[in-house]
Amino acid sequence: MATNHFDGVKIFSATKAREREEIGDRITDWVTNSANSLEIVDKVVSQSSDRECHCLTVTLFYRQR
């Protein structure tokens, strides 16, 4: 992760297929609604899985404007 200063973290996580398909829309809605007050300074996208579950996680680091 970059050394940018940040004030908070927002985590989006999905394990079910439908949730994984919709995670982009959830993130877009949150970013759009937060655009006036927050600035995204970094992100981490990770995926983990086992025999039955596949988890997608998007972590956004932000600071107040």
Protein backbone atom coordinates (compact mmCIF):
# COMPACT_ATOMS: atom_id res chain seq x y z
CA MET A 1 0.00 0.00 0.00
CA ALA A 2 1.16 3.52 -0.71
CA THR A 3 2.12 5.77 2.16
CA ASN A 4 -0.76 8.18 1.56
CA HIS A 5 -2.42 9.58 4.64
CA PHE A 6 -5.91 8.21 5.16
CA ASP A 7 -8.71 8.78 7.69
CA GLY A 8 -10.77 5.66 7.16
CA VAL A 9 -11.30 2.35 5.43
CA LYS A 10 -14.38 1.01 3.67
CA ILE A 11 -14.53 -2.72 2.98
CA PHE A 12 -16.78 -4.42 0.45
CA SER A 13 -16.90 -8.19 0.57
CA ALA A 14 -18.88 -10.81 -1.33
CA THR A 15 -18.93 -14.59 -1.15
CA LYS A 16 -22.04 -15.58 -3.10
CA ALA A 17 -22.04 -15.47 -6.91
CA ARG A 18 -24.80 -12.87 -7.10
CA GLU A 19 -23.04 -10.68 -4.50
CA ARG A 20 -19.80 -10.89 -6.49
CA GLU A 21 -21.67 -9.86 -9.65
CA GLU A 22 -23.18 -6.85 -7.85
CA ILE A 23 -20.16 -5.68 -5.84
CA GLY A 24 -19.15 -3.15 -8.52
CA ASP A 25 -22.55 -1.46 -8.33
CA ARG A 26 -22.35 -1.30 -4.54
CA ILE A 27 -18.91 0.29 -4.70
CA THR A 28 -19.98 2.77 -7.39
CA ASP A 29 -23.02 3.82 -5.32
CA TRP A 30 -20.89 4.35 -2.20
CA VAL A 31 -18.19 6.31 -4.07
CA THR A 32 -20.80 8.44 -5.85
CA ASN A 33 -22.61 9.26 -2.60
CA SER A 34 -19.32 10.03 -0.81
CA ALA A 35 -17.60 12.01 -3.58
CA ASN A 36 -18.22 15.42 -2.05
CA SER A 37 -16.83 14.55 1.36
CA LEU A 38 -14.26 11.79 0.75
CA GLU A 39 -11.25 11.23 -1.48
CA ILE A 40 -10.14 7.67 -2.25
CA VAL A 41 -6.36 7.52 -1.76
CA ASP A 42 -5.64 3.80 -2.21
CA LYS A 43 -7.29 0.43 -2.78
CA VAL A 44 -6.60 -3.26 -2.31
CA VAL A 45 -8.48 -5.99 -4.16
CA SER A 46 -8.13 -9.54 -2.88
CA GLN A 47 -9.66 -12.91 -3.55
CA SER A 48 -9.64 -15.99 -1.39
CA SER A 49 -11.28 -19.34 -1.85
CA ASP A 50 -11.61 -22.84 -0.56
CA ARG A 51 -13.50 -25.84 -1.93
CA GLU A 52 -16.92 -24.21 -1.59
CA CYS A 53 -16.55 -20.47 -1.14
CA HIS A 54 -14.95 -17.75 -3.21
CA CYS A 55 -14.60 -14.41 -1.47
CA LEU A 56 -13.91 -11.13 -3.24
CA THR A 57 -12.89 -8.20 -1.06
CA VAL A 58 -12.31 -4.60 -2.13
CA THR A 59 -10.78 -2.33 0.48
CA LEU A 60 -10.86 1.44 -0.10
CA PHE A 61 -8.71 3.83 1.91
CA TYR A 62 -10.04 7.37 2.04
CA ARG A 63 -9.50 10.76 3.61
CA GLN A 64 -11.88 13.57 4.38
CA ARG A 65 -11.93 16.44 1.87
